[in-house]
PDB file of N, CA and C in Angstrom:
ATOM      1  N   MET A   1     -31.063  36.718   6.259  1.00  0.00           N
ATOM      2  CA  MET A   1     -30.861  37.125   4.889  1.00  0.00           C
ATOM      3  C   MET A   1     -31.711  36.225   3.991  1.00  0.00           C
ATOM      4  N   SER A   2     -32.518  36.811   3.212  1.00  0.00           N
ATOM      5  CA  SER A   2     -33.394  36.021   2.359  1.00  0.00           C
ATOM      6  C   SER A   2     -32.746  35.840   0.990  1.00  0.00           C
ATOM      7  N   ARG A   3     -32.960  34.663   0.455  1.00  0.00           N
ATOM      8  CA  ARG A   3     -32.404  34.356  -0.859  1.00  0.00           C
ATOM      9  C   ARG A   3     -33.512  34.457  -1.892  1.00  0.00           C
ATOM     10  N   ASN A   4     -33.153  34.889  -3.047  1.00  0.00           N
ATOM     11  CA  ASN A   4     -34.129  34.973  -4.135  1.00  0.00           C
ATOM     12  C   ASN A   4     -34.228  33.623  -4.818  1.00  0.00           C
ATOM     13  N   PHE A   5     -35.421  33.273  -5.196  1.00  0.00           N
ATOM     14  CA  PHE A   5     -35.658  32.009  -5.880  1.00  0.00           C
ATOM     15  C   PHE A   5     -36.078  32.283  -7.317  1.00  0.00           C
ATOM     16  N   SER A   6     -35.793  31.322  -8.153  1.00  0.00           N
ATOM     17  CA  SER A   6     -36.158  31.421  -9.554  1.00  0.00           C
ATOM     18  C   SER A   6     -36.687  30.070  -9.989  1.00  0.00           C
ATOM     19  N   ARG A   7     -37.336  30.016 -11.119  1.00  0.00           N
ATOM     20  CA  ARG A   7     -37.915  28.759 -11.594  1.00  0.00           C
ATOM     21  C   ARG A   7     -37.250  28.334 -12.892  1.00  0.00           C
ATOM     22  N   ILE A   8     -37.121  27.012 -13.022  1.00  0.00           N
ATOM     23  CA  ILE A   8     -36.641  26.405 -14.260  1.00  0.00           C
ATOM     24  C   ILE A   8     -37.608  25.278 -14.575  1.00  0.00           C
ATOM     25  N   ASN A   9     -37.932  25.106 -15.816  1.00  0.00           N
ATOM     26  CA  ASN A   9     -38.835  24.027 -16.213  1.00  0.00           C
ATOM     27  C   ASN A   9     -38.028  22.767 -16.534  1.00  0.00           C
ATOM     28  N   PHE A  10     -38.458  21.650 -15.934  1.00  0.00           N
ATOM     29  CA  PHE A  10     -37.835  20.351 -16.178  1.00  0.00           C
ATOM     30  C   PHE A  10     -38.912  19.368 -16.595  1.00  0.00           C
ATOM     31  N   HIS A  11     -38.502  18.291 -17.208  1.00  0.00           N
ATOM     32  CA  HIS A  11     -39.441  17.209 -17.510  1.00  0.00           C
ATOM     33  C   HIS A  11     -39.897  16.589 -16.192  1.00  0.00           C
ATOM     34  N   THR A  12     -41.092  16.090 -16.176  1.00  0.00           N
ATOM     35  CA  THR A  12     -41.683  15.528 -14.965  1.00  0.00           C
ATOM     36  C   THR A  12     -40.851  14.367 -14.420  1.00  0.00           C
ATOM     37  N   GLU A  13     -40.365  13.497 -15.300  1.00  0.00           N
ATOM     38  CA  GLU A  13     -39.553  12.353 -14.852  1.00  0.00           C
ATOM     39  C   GLU A  13     -38.261  12.822 -14.179  1.00  0.00           C
ATOM     40  N   THR A  14     -37.673  13.879 -14.738  1.00  0.00           N
ATOM     41  CA  THR A  14     -36.426  14.411 -14.168  1.00  0.00           C
ATOM     42  C   THR A  14     -36.685  15.020 -12.798  1.00  0.00           C
ATOM     43  N   VAL A  15     -37.801  15.733 -12.666  1.00  0.00           N
ATOM     44  CA  VAL A  15     -38.153  16.337 -11.376  1.00  0.00           C
ATOM     45  C   VAL A  15     -38.363  15.254 -10.333  1.00  0.00           C
ATOM     46  N   GLU A  16     -39.037  14.168 -10.697  1.00  0.00           N
ATOM     47  CA  GLU A  16     -39.269  13.078  -9.745  1.00  0.00           C
ATOM     48  C   GLU A  16     -37.952  12.425  -9.321  1.00  0.00           C
ATOM     49  N   ARG A  17     -37.079  12.203 -10.274  1.00  0.00           N
ATOM     50  CA  ARG A  17     -35.758  11.626  -9.937  1.00  0.00           C
ATOM     51  C   ARG A  17     -34.985  12.550  -8.997  1.00  0.00           C
ATOM     52  N   PHE A  18     -35.031  13.856  -9.300  1.00  0.00           N
ATOM     53  CA  PHE A  18     -34.308  14.831  -8.485  1.00  0.00           C
ATOM     54  C   PHE A  18     -34.879  14.889  -7.068  1.00  0.00           C
ATOM     55  N   LYS A  19     -36.193  14.894  -6.945  1.00  0.00           N
ATOM     56  CA  LYS A  19     -36.829  14.912  -5.624  1.00  0.00           C
ATOM     57  C   LYS A  19     -36.455  13.665  -4.828  1.00  0.00           C
ATOM     58  N   LYS A  20     -36.471  12.527  -5.501  1.00  0.00           N
ATOM     59  CA  LYS A  20     -36.115  11.268  -4.837  1.00  0.00           C
ATOM     60  C   LYS A  20     -34.659  11.309  -4.360  1.00  0.00           C
ATOM     61  N   TYR A  21     -33.775  11.819  -5.199  1.00  0.00           N
ATOM     62  CA  TYR A  21     -32.356  11.908  -4.835  1.00  0.00           C
ATOM     63  C   TYR A  21     -32.160  12.846  -3.645  1.00  0.00           C
ATOM     64  N   ALA A  22     -32.825  13.985  -3.662  1.00  0.00           N
ATOM     65  CA  ALA A  22     -32.713  14.939  -2.555  1.00  0.00           C
ATOM     66  C   ALA A  22     -33.252  14.335  -1.260  1.00  0.00           C
ATOM     67  N   ALA A  23     -34.367  13.621  -1.349  1.00  0.00           N
ATOM     68  CA  ALA A  23     -34.952  13.002  -0.156  1.00  0.00           C
ATOM     69  C   ALA A  23     -34.045  11.907   0.398  1.00  0.00           C
ATOM     70  N   GLU A  24     -33.409  11.129  -0.484  1.00  0.00           N
ATOM     71  CA  GLU A  24     -32.499  10.070  -0.022  1.00  0.00           C
ATOM     72  C   GLU A  24     -31.304  10.646   0.730  1.00  0.00           C
ATOM     73  N   ASN A  25     -30.869  11.842   0.335  1.00  0.00           N
ATOM     74  CA  ASN A  25     -29.714  12.467   0.982  1.00  0.00           C
ATOM     75  C   ASN A  25     -30.111  13.448   2.074  1.00  0.00           C
ATOM     76  N   ASP A  26     -31.399  13.575   2.315  1.00  0.00           N
ATOM     77  CA  ASP A  26     -31.944  14.396   3.399  1.00  0.00           C
ATOM     78  C   ASP A  26     -31.468  15.854   3.330  1.00  0.00           C
ATOM     79  N   VAL A  27     -31.529  16.418   2.126  1.00  0.00           N
ATOM     80  CA  VAL A  27     -31.205  17.842   1.937  1.00  0.00           C
ATOM     81  C   VAL A  27     -32.271  18.460   1.041  1.00  0.00           C
ATOM     82  N   ASN A  28     -32.335  19.794   1.080  1.00  0.00           N
ATOM     83  CA  ASN A  28     -33.340  20.447   0.235  1.00  0.00           C
ATOM     84  C   ASN A  28     -32.856  20.497  -1.212  1.00  0.00           C
ATOM     85  N   TYR A  29     -33.720  20.954  -2.090  1.00  0.00           N
ATOM     86  CA  TYR A  29     -33.423  20.906  -3.523  1.00  0.00           C
ATOM     87  C   TYR A  29     -32.260  21.829  -3.894  1.00  0.00           C
ATOM     88  N   THR A  30     -32.215  22.998  -3.288  1.00  0.00           N
ATOM     89  CA  THR A  30     -31.136  23.941  -3.595  1.00  0.00           C
ATOM     90  C   THR A  30     -29.785  23.357  -3.197  1.00  0.00           C
ATOM     91  N   GLU A  31     -29.708  22.802  -1.988  1.00  0.00           N
ATOM     92  CA  GLU A  31     -28.445  22.203  -1.535  1.00  0.00           C
ATOM     93  C   GLU A  31     -28.041  21.029  -2.420  1.00  0.00           C
ATOM     94  N   THR A  32     -29.014  20.251  -2.852  1.00  0.00           N
ATOM     95  CA  THR A  32     -28.719  19.105  -3.712  1.00  0.00           C
ATOM     96  C   THR A  32     -28.128  19.563  -5.035  1.00  0.00           C
ATOM     97  N   LEU A  33     -28.765  20.530  -5.664  1.00  0.00           N
ATOM     98  CA  LEU A  33     -28.278  21.014  -6.955  1.00  0.00           C
ATOM     99  C   LEU A  33     -26.923  21.701  -6.805  1.00  0.00           C
ATOM    100  N   GLU A  34     -26.723  22.482  -5.739  1.00  0.00           N
ATOM    101  CA  GLU A  34     -25.432  23.130  -5.511  1.00  0.00           C
ATOM    102  C   GLU A  34     -24.328  22.096  -5.294  1.00  0.00           C
ATOM    103  N   ALA A  35     -24.637  21.043  -4.549  1.00  0.00           N
ATOM    104  CA  ALA A  35     -23.637  19.994  -4.311  1.00  0.00           C
ATOM    105  C   ALA A  35     -23.256  19.298  -5.609  1.00  0.00           C
ATOM    106  N   MET A  36     -24.244  19.050  -6.457  1.00  0.00           N
ATOM    107  CA  MET A  36     -23.956  18.413  -7.749  1.00  0.00           C
ATOM    108  C   MET A  36     -23.074  19.304  -8.617  1.00  0.00           C
ATOM    109  N   LEU A  37     -23.437  20.574  -8.706  1.00  0.00           N
ATOM    110  CA  LEU A  37     -22.640  21.502  -9.518  1.00  0.00           C
ATOM    111  C   LEU A  37     -21.230  21.659  -8.957  1.00  0.00           C
ATOM    112  N   ASP A  38     -21.115  21.767  -7.632  1.00  0.00           N
ATOM    113  CA  ASP A  38     -19.788  21.873  -7.006  1.00  0.00           C
ATOM    114  C   ASP A  38     -18.939  20.645  -7.298  1.00  0.00           C
ATOM    115  N   PHE A  39     -19.564  19.484  -7.251  1.00  0.00           N
ATOM    116  CA  PHE A  39     -18.834  18.246  -7.525  1.00  0.00           C
ATOM    117  C   PHE A  39     -18.242  18.266  -8.930  1.00  0.00           C
ATOM    118  N   PHE A  40     -19.056  18.631  -9.900  1.00  0.00           N
ATOM    119  CA  PHE A  40     -18.568  18.659 -11.280  1.00  0.00           C
ATOM    120  C   PHE A  40     -17.478  19.710 -11.466  1.00  0.00           C
ATOM    121  N   GLU A  41     -17.659  20.875 -10.857  1.00  0.00           N
ATOM    122  CA  GLU A  41     -16.676  21.949 -11.024  1.00  0.00           C
ATOM    123  C   GLU A  41     -15.360  21.643 -10.314  1.00  0.00           C
ATOM    124  N   LYS A  42     -15.428  21.156  -9.087  1.00  0.00           N
ATOM    125  CA  LYS A  42     -14.202  20.900  -8.316  1.00  0.00           C
ATOM    126  C   LYS A  42     -13.387  19.746  -8.880  1.00  0.00           C
ATOM    127  N   ASN A  43     -14.060  18.780  -9.465  1.00  0.00           N
ATOM    128  CA  ASN A  43     -13.362  17.609 -10.003  1.00  0.00           C
ATOM    129  C   ASN A  43     -13.121  17.700 -11.508  1.00  0.00           C
ATOM    130  N   TYR A  44     -13.447  18.846 -12.074  1.00  0.00           N
ATOM    131  CA  TYR A  44     -13.246  19.066 -13.513  1.00  0.00           C
ATOM    132  C   TYR A  44     -13.866  17.946 -14.341  1.00  0.00           C
ATOM    133  N   ILE A  45     -15.086  17.614 -14.002  1.00  0.00           N
ATOM    134  CA  ILE A  45     -15.801  16.548 -14.696  1.00  0.00           C
ATOM    135  C   ILE A  45     -16.983  17.167 -15.432  1.00  0.00           C
ATOM    136  N   SER A  46     -17.192  16.704 -16.635  1.00  0.00           N
ATOM    137  CA  SER A  46     -18.361  17.128 -17.390  1.00  0.00           C
ATOM    138  C   SER A  46     -19.255  15.915 -17.614  1.00  0.00           C
ATOM    139  N   PRO A  47     -20.539  16.028 -17.304  1.00  0.00           N
ATOM    140  CA  PRO A  47     -21.430  14.891 -17.540  1.00  0.00           C
ATOM    141  C   PRO A  47     -21.703  14.659 -19.026  1.00  0.00           C
ATOM    142  N   PHE A  48     -21.243  15.576 -19.867  1.00  0.00           N
ATOM    143  CA  PHE A  48     -21.492  15.457 -21.302  1.00  0.00           C
ATOM    144  C   PHE A  48     -20.304  14.875 -22.059  1.00  0.00           C
ATOM    145  N   ARG A  49     -19.174  14.737 -21.396  1.00  0.00           N
ATOM    146  CA  ARG A  49     -18.008  14.091 -22.010  1.00  0.00           C
ATOM    147  C   ARG A  49     -17.811  12.751 -21.331  1.00  0.00           C
ATOM    148  N   PRO A  50     -17.615  11.703 -22.107  1.00  0.00           N
ATOM    149  CA  PRO A  50     -17.436  10.378 -21.484  1.00  0.00           C
ATOM    150  C   PRO A  50     -16.097  10.287 -20.756  1.00  0.00           C
ATOM    151  N   PHE A  51     -16.056   9.428 -19.756  1.00  0.00           N
ATOM    152  CA  PHE A  51     -14.810   9.170 -19.042  1.00  0.00           C
ATOM    153  C   PHE A  51     -14.055   8.104 -19.810  1.00  0.00           C
ATOM    154  N   PRO A  52     -12.993   8.467 -20.505  1.00  0.00           N
ATOM    155  CA  PRO A  52     -12.291   7.442 -21.293  1.00  0.00           C
ATOM    156  C   PRO A  52     -11.513   6.488 -20.400  1.00  0.00           C
ATOM    157  N   LEU A  53     -11.743   5.228 -20.591  1.00  0.00           N
ATOM    158  CA  LEU A  53     -10.990   4.166 -19.932  1.00  0.00           C
ATOM    159  C   LEU A  53     -10.939   4.319 -18.417  1.00  0.00           C
ATOM    160  N   THR A  54     -12.067   4.535 -17.798  1.00  0.00           N
ATOM    161  CA  THR A  54     -12.098   4.703 -16.348  1.00  0.00           C
ATOM    162  C   THR A  54     -11.555   3.464 -15.645  1.00  0.00           C
ATOM    163  N   ASN A  55     -11.983   2.304 -16.096  1.00  0.00           N
ATOM    164  CA  ASN A  55     -11.482   1.077 -15.475  1.00  0.00           C
ATOM    165  C   ASN A  55      -9.987   0.923 -15.713  1.00  0.00           C
ATOM    166  N   TYR A  56      -9.532   1.332 -16.879  1.00  0.00           N
ATOM    167  CA  TYR A  56      -8.103   1.261 -17.177  1.00  0.00           C
ATOM    168  C   TYR A  56      -7.321   2.172 -16.236  1.00  0.00           C
ATOM    169  N   ARG A  57      -7.855   3.363 -15.996  1.00  0.00           N
ATOM    170  CA  ARG A  57      -7.178   4.284 -15.071  1.00  0.00           C
ATOM    171  C   ARG A  57      -7.068   3.676 -13.674  1.00  0.00           C
ATOM    172  N   LEU A  58      -8.169   3.112 -13.207  1.00  0.00           N
ATOM    173  CA  LEU A  58      -8.148   2.492 -11.880  1.00  0.00           C
ATOM    174  C   LEU A  58      -7.160   1.335 -11.828  1.00  0.00           C
ATOM    175  N   LEU A  59      -7.145   0.532 -12.871  1.00  0.00           N
ATOM    176  CA  LEU A  59      -6.207  -0.583 -12.931  1.00  0.00           C
ATOM    177  C   LEU A  59      -4.769  -0.084 -12.950  1.00  0.00           C
ATOM    178  N   HIS A  60      -4.526   0.980 -13.689  1.00  0.00           N
ATOM    179  CA  HIS A  60      -3.180   1.553 -13.759  1.00  0.00           C
ATOM    180  C   HIS A  60      -2.736   2.065 -12.382  1.00  0.00           C
ATOM    181  N   ILE A  61      -3.602   2.771 -11.702  1.00  0.00           N
ATOM    182  CA  ILE A  61      -3.277   3.274 -10.360  1.00  0.00           C
ATOM    183  C   ILE A  61      -3.028   2.114  -9.407  1.00  0.00           C
ATOM    184  N   PHE A  62      -3.874   1.103  -9.478  1.00  0.00           N
ATOM    185  CA  PHE A  62      -3.709  -0.068  -8.621  1.00  0.00           C
ATOM    186  C   PHE A  62      -2.375  -0.761  -8.895  1.00  0.00           C
ATOM    187  N   ASN A  63      -2.035  -0.924 -10.170  1.00  0.00           N
ATOM    188  CA  ASN A  63      -0.766  -1.573 -10.517  1.00  0.00           C
ATOM    189  C   ASN A  63       0.432  -0.758 -10.046  1.00  0.00           C
ATOM    190  N   LYS A  64       0.341   0.559 -10.136  1.00  0.00           N
ATOM    191  CA  LYS A  64       1.432   1.398  -9.643  1.00  0.00           C
ATOM    192  C   LYS A  64       1.609   1.225  -8.133  1.00  0.00           C
ATOM    193  N   ARG A  65       0.516   1.155  -7.408  1.00  0.00           N
ATOM    194  CA  ARG A  65       0.593   0.964  -5.957  1.00  0.00           C
ATOM    195  C   ARG A  65       1.163  -0.414  -5.624  1.00  0.00           C
ATOM    196  N   MET A  66       0.772  -1.421  -6.396  1.00  0.00           N
ATOM    197  CA  MET A  66       1.300  -2.767  -6.165  1.00  0.00           C
ATOM    198  C   MET A  66       2.796  -2.820  -6.460  1.00  0.00           C
ATOM    199  N   ASP A  67       3.236  -2.117  -7.506  1.00  0.00           N
ATOM    200  CA  ASP A  67       4.663  -2.060  -7.814  1.00  0.00           C
ATOM    201  C   ASP A  67       5.427  -1.384  -6.678  1.00  0.00           C
ATOM    202  N   ALA A  68       4.869  -0.310  -6.149  1.00  0.00           N
ATOM    203  CA  ALA A  68       5.516   0.380  -5.031  1.00  0.00           C
ATOM    204  C   ALA A  68       5.586  -0.529  -3.810  1.00  0.00           C
ATOM    205  N   LEU A  69       4.537  -1.292  -3.566  1.00  0.00           N
ATOM    206  CA  LEU A  69       4.536  -2.234  -2.449  1.00  0.00           C
ATOM    207  C   LEU A  69       5.584  -3.321  -2.651  1.00  0.00           C
ATOM    208  N   GLU A  70       5.712  -3.809  -3.872  1.00  0.00           N
ATOM    209  CA  GLU A  70       6.717  -4.829  -4.168  1.00  0.00           C
ATOM    210  C   GLU A  70       8.123  -4.290  -3.935  1.00  0.00           C
ATOM    211  N   VAL A  71       8.381  -3.060  -4.369  1.00  0.00           N
ATOM    212  CA  VAL A  71       9.693  -2.446  -4.146  1.00  0.00           C
ATOM    213  C   VAL A  71       9.958  -2.312  -2.648  1.00  0.00           C
ATOM    214  N   LEU A  72       8.956  -1.898  -1.913  1.00  0.00           N
ATOM    215  CA  LEU A  72       9.106  -1.757  -0.463  1.00  0.00           C
ATOM    216  C   LEU A  72       9.421  -3.097   0.193  1.00  0.00           C
ATOM    217  N   LEU A  73       8.709  -4.147  -0.192  1.00  0.00           N
ATOM    218  CA  LEU A  73       8.952  -5.470   0.390  1.00  0.00           C
ATOM    219  C   LEU A  73      10.333  -6.006   0.017  1.00  0.00           C
ATOM    220  N   ARG A  74      10.752  -5.791  -1.227  1.00  0.00           N
ATOM    221  CA  ARG A  74      12.089  -6.241  -1.632  1.00  0.00           C
ATOM    222  C   ARG A  74      13.176  -5.508  -0.849  1.00  0.00           C
ATOM    223  N   LYS A  75      12.997  -4.205  -0.672  1.00  0.00           N
ATOM    224  CA  LYS A  75      13.979  -3.425   0.081  1.00  0.00           C
ATOM    225  C   LYS A  75      14.019  -3.885   1.535  1.00  0.00           C
ATOM    226  N   MET A  76      12.847  -4.118   2.102  1.00  0.00           N
ATOM    227  CA  MET A  76      12.784  -4.584   3.486  1.00  0.00           C
ATOM    228  C   MET A  76      13.457  -5.944   3.617  1.00  0.00           C
ATOM    229  N   GLU A  77      13.229  -6.825   2.656  1.00  0.00           N
ATOM    230  CA  GLU A  77      13.853  -8.143   2.686  1.00  0.00           C
ATOM    231  C   GLU A  77      15.368  -8.019   2.590  1.00  0.00           C
ATOM    232  N   LYS A  78      15.834  -7.165   1.689  1.00  0.00           N
ATOM    233  CA  LYS A  78      17.270  -7.014   1.476  1.00  0.00           C
ATOM    234  C   LYS A  78      17.955  -6.358   2.681  1.00  0.00           C
ATOM    235  N   ASP A  79      17.338  -5.310   3.213  1.00  0.00           N
ATOM    236  CA  ASP A  79      17.979  -4.528   4.262  1.00  0.00           C
ATOM    237  C   ASP A  79      17.831  -5.101   5.660  1.00  0.00           C
ATOM    238  N   SER A  80      16.760  -5.829   5.927  1.00  0.00           N
ATOM    239  CA  SER A  80      16.572  -6.284   7.300  1.00  0.00           C
ATOM    240  C   SER A  80      16.409  -7.790   7.438  1.00  0.00           C
ATOM    241  N   LEU A  81      15.669  -8.406   6.558  1.00  0.00           N
ATOM    242  CA  LEU A  81      15.394  -9.829   6.746  1.00  0.00           C
ATOM    243  C   LEU A  81      16.589 -10.712   6.410  1.00  0.00           C
ATOM    244  N   GLU A  82      17.270 -10.442   5.294  1.00  0.00           N
ATOM    245  CA  GLU A  82      18.410 -11.284   4.921  1.00  0.00           C
ATOM    246  C   GLU A  82      19.556 -11.187   5.936  1.00  0.00           C
ATOM    247  N   PRO A  83      19.956  -9.979   6.372  1.00  0.00           N
ATOM    248  CA  PRO A  83      21.007  -9.924   7.397  1.00  0.00           C
ATOM    249  C   PRO A  83      20.600 -10.611   8.702  1.00  0.00           C
ATOM    250  N   THR A  84      19.353 -10.454   9.085  1.00  0.00           N
ATOM    251  CA  THR A  84      18.874 -11.109  10.301  1.00  0.00           C
ATOM    252  C   THR A  84      18.926 -12.621  10.147  1.00  0.00           C
ATOM    253  N   LEU A  85      18.537 -13.119   8.991  1.00  0.00           N
ATOM    254  CA  LEU A  85      18.593 -14.553   8.733  1.00  0.00           C
ATOM    255  C   LEU A  85      20.029 -15.061   8.799  1.00  0.00           C
ATOM    256  N   LYS A  86      20.962 -14.324   8.221  1.00  0.00           N
ATOM    257  CA  LYS A  86      22.371 -14.737   8.267  1.00  0.00           C
ATOM    258  C   LYS A  86      22.880 -14.798   9.704  1.00  0.00           C
ATOM    259  N   ILE A  87      22.531 -13.796  10.488  1.00  0.00           N
ATOM    260  CA  ILE A  87      22.960 -13.774  11.890  1.00  0.00           C
ATOM    261  C   ILE A  87      22.376 -14.966  12.637  1.00  0.00           C
ATOM    262  N   LEU A  88      21.095 -15.222  12.441  1.00  0.00           N
ATOM    263  CA  LEU A  88      20.459 -16.350  13.131  1.00  0.00           C
ATOM    264  C   LEU A  88      21.055 -17.685  12.696  1.00  0.00           C
ATOM    265  N   LEU A  89      21.328 -17.848  11.416  1.00  0.00           N
ATOM    266  CA  LEU A  89      21.939 -19.096  10.946  1.00  0.00           C
ATOM    267  C   LEU A  89      23.333 -19.279  11.532  1.00  0.00           C
ATOM    268  N   ASN A  90      24.104 -18.195  11.628  1.00  0.00           N
ATOM    269  CA  ASN A  90      25.427 -18.287  12.255  1.00  0.00           C
ATOM    270  C   ASN A  90      25.312 -18.654  13.730  1.00  0.00           C
ATOM    271  N   LEU A  91      24.339 -18.080  14.421  1.00  0.00           N
ATOM    272  CA  LEU A  91      24.151 -18.421  15.833  1.00  0.00           C
ATOM    273  C   LEU A  91      23.766 -19.886  15.999  1.00  0.00           C
ATOM    274  N   ILE A  92      22.911 -20.366  15.132  1.00  0.00           N
ATOM    275  CA  ILE A  92      22.516 -21.778  15.197  1.00  0.00           C
ATOM    276  C   ILE A  92      23.711 -22.670  14.903  1.00  0.00           C
ATOM    277  N   LYS A  93      24.499 -22.266  13.936  1.00  0.00           N
ATOM    278  CA  LYS A  93      25.675 -23.055  13.570  1.00  0.00           C
ATOM    279  C   LYS A  93      26.675 -23.101  14.731  1.00  0.00           C
ATOM    280  N   ILE A  94      26.865 -21.973  15.393  1.00  0.00           N
ATOM    281  CA  ILE A  94      27.788 -21.924  16.533  1.00  0.00           C
ATOM    282  C   ILE A  94      27.240 -22.741  17.698  1.00  0.00           C
ATOM    283  N   ALA A  95      25.941 -22.682  17.928  1.00  0.00           N
ATOM    284  CA  ALA A  95      25.339 -23.381  19.062  1.00  0.00           C
ATOM    285  C   ALA A  95      25.279 -24.887  18.857  1.00  0.00           C
ATOM    286  N   ASP A  96      25.393 -25.353  17.640  1.00  0.00           N
ATOM    287  CA  ASP A  96      25.333 -26.785  17.354  1.00  0.00           C
ATOM    288  C   ASP A  96      26.583 -27.465  17.920  1.00  0.00           C
ATOM    289  N   PRO A  97      26.423 -28.462  18.804  1.00  0.00           N
ATOM    290  CA  PRO A  97      27.590 -29.103  19.422  1.00  0.00           C
ATOM    291  C   PRO A  97      28.491 -29.808  18.403  1.00  0.00           C
ATOM    292  N   ARG A  98      27.972 -30.186  17.278  1.00  0.00           N
ATOM    293  CA  ARG A  98      28.803 -30.853  16.275  1.00  0.00           C
ATOM    294  C   ARG A  98      29.776 -29.885  15.611  1.00  0.00           C
ATOM    295  N   ASN A  99      29.531 -28.592  15.730  1.00  0.00           N
ATOM    296  CA  ASN A  99      30.390 -27.602  15.084  1.00  0.00           C
ATOM    297  C   ASN A  99      31.313 -26.891  16.062  1.00  0.00           C
ATOM    298  N   LYS A 100      31.441 -27.385  17.282  1.00  0.00           N
ATOM    299  CA  LYS A 100      32.284 -26.724  18.277  1.00  0.00           C
ATOM    300  C   LYS A 100      33.735 -26.647  17.812  1.00  0.00           C
ATOM    301  N   HIS A 101      34.193 -27.678  17.116  1.00  0.00           N
ATOM    302  CA  HIS A 101      35.588 -27.687  16.687  1.00  0.00           C
ATOM    303  C   HIS A 101      35.883 -26.600  15.645  1.00  0.00           C
ATOM    304  N   LEU A 102      34.872 -26.090  14.969  1.00  0.00           N
ATOM    305  CA  LEU A 102      35.098 -25.057  13.959  1.00  0.00           C
ATOM    306  C   LEU A 102      35.435 -23.709  14.580  1.00  0.00           C
ATOM    307  N   TYR A 103      34.902 -23.451  15.755  1.00  0.00           N
ATOM    308  CA  TYR A 103      35.048 -22.133  16.350  1.00  0.00           C
ATOM    309  C   TYR A 103      35.961 -22.124  17.576  1.00  0.00           C
ATOM    310  N   ARG A 104      36.594 -23.244  17.877  1.00  0.00           N
ATOM    311  CA  ARG A 104      37.473 -23.316  19.031  1.00  0.00           C
ATOM    312  C   ARG A 104      38.808 -22.675  18.671  1.00  0.00           C
ATOM    313  N   GLU A 105      39.298 -21.838  19.553  1.00  0.00           N
ATOM    314  CA  GLU A 105      40.589 -21.206  19.297  1.00  0.00           C
ATOM    315  C   GLU A 105      41.697 -22.230  19.491  1.00  0.00           C
ATOM    316  N   LYS A 106      42.675 -22.152  18.612  1.00  0.00           N
ATOM    317  CA  LYS A 106      43.801 -23.075  18.714  1.00  0.00           C
ATOM    318  C   LYS A 106      44.797 -22.530  19.728  1.00  0.00           C
ATOM    319  N   LYS A 107      45.299 -23.418  20.541  1.00  0.00           N
ATOM    320  CA  LYS A 107      46.327 -23.050  21.504  1.00  0.00           C
ATOM    321  C   LYS A 107      47.665 -22.970  20.771  1.00  0.00           C
ATOM    322  N   ALA A 108      48.625 -22.334  21.392  1.00  0.00           N
ATOM    323  CA  ALA A 108      49.930 -22.153  20.753  1.00  0.00           C
ATOM    324  C   ALA A 108      50.594 -23.491  20.467  1.00  0.00           C
ATOM    325  N   TYR A 109      50.462 -24.449  21.375  1.00  0.00           N
ATOM    326  CA  TYR A 109      51.113 -25.740  21.168  1.00  0.00           C
ATOM    327  C   TYR A 109      50.392 -26.587  20.133  1.00  0.00           C
ATOM    328  N   GLU A 110      49.173 -26.226  19.746  1.00  0.00           N
ATOM    329  CA  GLU A 110      48.470 -26.993  18.725  1.00  0.00           C
ATOM    330  C   GLU A 110      48.890 -26.586  17.317  1.00  0.00           C
ATOM    331  N   GLU A 111      49.637 -25.512  17.204  1.00  0.00           N
ATOM    332  CA  GLU A 111      50.070 -25.051  15.897  1.00  0.00           C
ATOM    333  C   GLU A 111      51.176 -25.940  15.324  1.00  0.00           C
ATOM    334  N   ASP A 112      51.923 -26.556  16.178  1.00  0.00           N
ATOM    335  CA  ASP A 112      52.999 -27.425  15.675  1.00  0.00           C
ATOM    336  C   ASP A 112      52.802 -28.845  16.196  1.00  0.00           C
ATOM    337  N   ASP A 113      53.698 -29.721  15.897  1.00  0.00           N
ATOM    338  CA  ASP A 113      53.543 -31.124  16.279  1.00  0.00           C
ATOM    339  C   ASP A 113      54.258 -31.469  17.583  1.00  0.00           C
ATOM    340  N   THR A 114      54.515 -30.497  18.445  1.00  0.00           N
ATOM    341  CA  THR A 114      55.213 -30.767  19.696  1.00  0.00           C
ATOM    342  C   THR A 114      54.283 -31.244  20.798  1.00  0.00           C
ATOM    343  N   HIS A 115      53.008 -31.069  20.644  1.00  0.00           N
ATOM    344  CA  HIS A 115      52.082 -31.498  21.684  1.00  0.00           C
ATOM    345  C   HIS A 115      51.962 -33.014  21.659  1.00  0.00           C
ATOM    346  N   PRO A 116      51.868 -33.641  22.842  1.00  0.00           N
ATOM    347  CA  PRO A 116      51.820 -35.106  22.895  1.00  0.00           C
ATOM    348  C   PRO A 116      50.597 -35.704  22.210  1.00  0.00           C
ATOM    349  N   ASP A 117      49.497 -34.986  22.139  1.00  0.00           N
ATOM    350  CA  ASP A 117      48.287 -35.532  21.524  1.00  0.00           C
ATOM    351  C   ASP A 117      48.251 -35.310  20.010  1.00  0.00           C
ATOM    352  N   PHE A 118      49.302 -34.777  19.441  1.00  0.00           N
ATOM    353  CA  PHE A 118      49.300 -34.434  18.019  1.00  0.00           C
ATOM    354  C   PHE A 118      49.117 -35.650  17.128  1.00  0.00           C
ATOM    355  N   TYR A 119      49.703 -36.794  17.509  1.00  0.00           N
ATOM    356  CA  TYR A 119      49.686 -37.971  16.646  1.00  0.00           C
ATOM    357  C   TYR A 119      48.498 -38.884  16.903  1.00  0.00           C
ATOM    358  N   ARG A 120      47.586 -38.500  17.694  1.00  0.00           N
ATOM    359  CA  ARG A 120      46.421 -39.346  17.933  1.00  0.00           C
ATOM    360  C   ARG A 120      45.527 -39.411  16.764  1.00  0.00           C
TER     361      ARG A 120
END
């Protein structure tokens, strides 16, 4: 299928820039121009209207992502790290020989003063 071609007049400097751009991307002139037009149309961008606060937009998006990451880390800390830390600290406390008396079950005779070792 053959395509029809048409001519448009451009300034010489613009033609040279366009040829250089097409050569850098290793595509023919028609594909280059179609890709440029598609880019502007698909992204709703106009080269004649300035992009207001582009850096601000990027910063805003970045800050939103950082806030989401902070929320995720706080939730992870609250839901998994703190309980795990408490369990580990309790295990260490129980395993410490100096704390054996805290977790030893009392015998029935230790509840009152009838045991011979009570007054030691």
